[in-house]
Amino acid sequence: MTIDKSLKVKRGMNTNRSVLTRVERLKVLQDSGRWDEGDSPLGLPKVRVRKLTMKKKKKKAKEDEDE
């Protein structure tokens, strides 16, 4: 049986994940001060995953030529 193309792992993670692992969540919570080292790792609060978008650079050279 073959694996669907959408399920294959390509060279690294090119897309943003919508879910963090427990270790990643703990690190984010520690950085924000919402979790301390002695606290239970069970029942963690939700952590918002911020998706980064790259803004397209404006082409200044093309605008200068038009003037």
Protein backbone atom coordinates (compact mmCIF):
# COMPACT_ATOMS: atom_id res chain seq x y z
CA MET A 1 0.00 0.00 0.00
CA THR A 2 1.38 3.43 -0.88
CA ILE A 3 1.34 6.62 1.17
CA ASP A 4 -0.65 9.58 -0.08
CA LYS A 5 1.47 12.53 -1.30
CA SER A 6 0.04 14.84 1.35
CA LEU A 7 1.24 12.54 4.15
CA LYS A 8 4.83 12.13 2.99
CA VAL A 9 7.52 13.98 4.90
CA LYS A 10 9.47 16.23 2.60
CA ARG A 11 12.83 17.84 3.25
CA GLY A 12 12.14 19.36 6.65
CA MET A 13 9.11 21.22 7.79
CA ASN A 14 8.15 23.78 5.15
CA THR A 15 4.72 24.51 6.56
CA ASN A 16 3.68 25.96 9.91
CA ARG A 17 2.38 23.50 12.44
CA SER A 18 -0.82 24.32 14.29
CA VAL A 19 0.05 22.16 17.32
CA LEU A 20 3.06 22.35 19.63
CA THR A 21 4.61 19.41 21.46
CA ARG A 22 4.44 19.40 25.27
CA VAL A 23 8.09 20.45 25.54
CA GLU A 24 7.53 23.38 23.19
CA ARG A 25 4.42 24.43 25.11
CA LEU A 26 6.31 24.30 28.42
CA LYS A 27 9.07 26.49 26.99
CA VAL A 28 6.57 29.09 25.75
CA LEU A 29 4.74 29.07 29.09
CA GLN A 30 8.01 29.41 31.03
CA ASP A 31 9.06 32.38 28.89
CA SER A 32 5.75 34.11 29.59
CA GLY A 33 5.86 33.24 33.32
CA ARG A 34 2.69 31.13 33.28
CA TRP A 35 4.44 27.87 34.30
CA ASP A 36 7.14 27.18 36.89
CA GLU A 37 9.52 24.23 37.18
CA GLY A 38 7.64 22.57 40.08
CA ASP A 39 4.18 22.77 38.48
CA SER A 40 2.45 19.73 37.01
CA PRO A 41 2.89 19.22 33.25
CA LEU A 42 -0.66 17.88 33.07
CA GLY A 43 -3.57 20.18 32.24
CA LEU A 44 -1.47 22.89 30.62
CA PRO A 45 -3.20 26.05 29.44
CA LYS A 46 -3.60 26.63 25.72
CA VAL A 47 -0.78 28.31 23.85
CA ARG A 48 -1.44 30.33 20.73
CA VAL A 49 0.69 29.33 17.77
CA ARG A 50 1.72 32.38 15.77
CA LYS A 51 2.13 31.79 12.08
CA LEU A 52 4.85 33.91 10.56
CA THR A 53 4.21 35.47 7.21
CA MET A 54 6.93 37.02 5.15
CA LYS A 55 6.09 40.39 3.66
CA LYS A 56 6.98 40.89 0.06
CA LYS A 57 9.62 43.50 -0.56
CA LYS A 58 8.66 46.40 -2.75
CA LYS A 59 10.71 46.89 -5.87
CA LYS A 60 12.17 50.39 -5.59
CA ALA A 61 14.27 50.14 -8.73
CA LYS A 62 11.22 49.58 -10.90
CA GLU A 63 9.44 52.61 -9.40
CA ASP A 64 12.49 54.82 -9.98
CA GLU A 65 12.55 53.85 -13.65
CA ASP A 66 8.90 54.82 -14.08
CA GLU A 67 9.52 58.35 -12.82
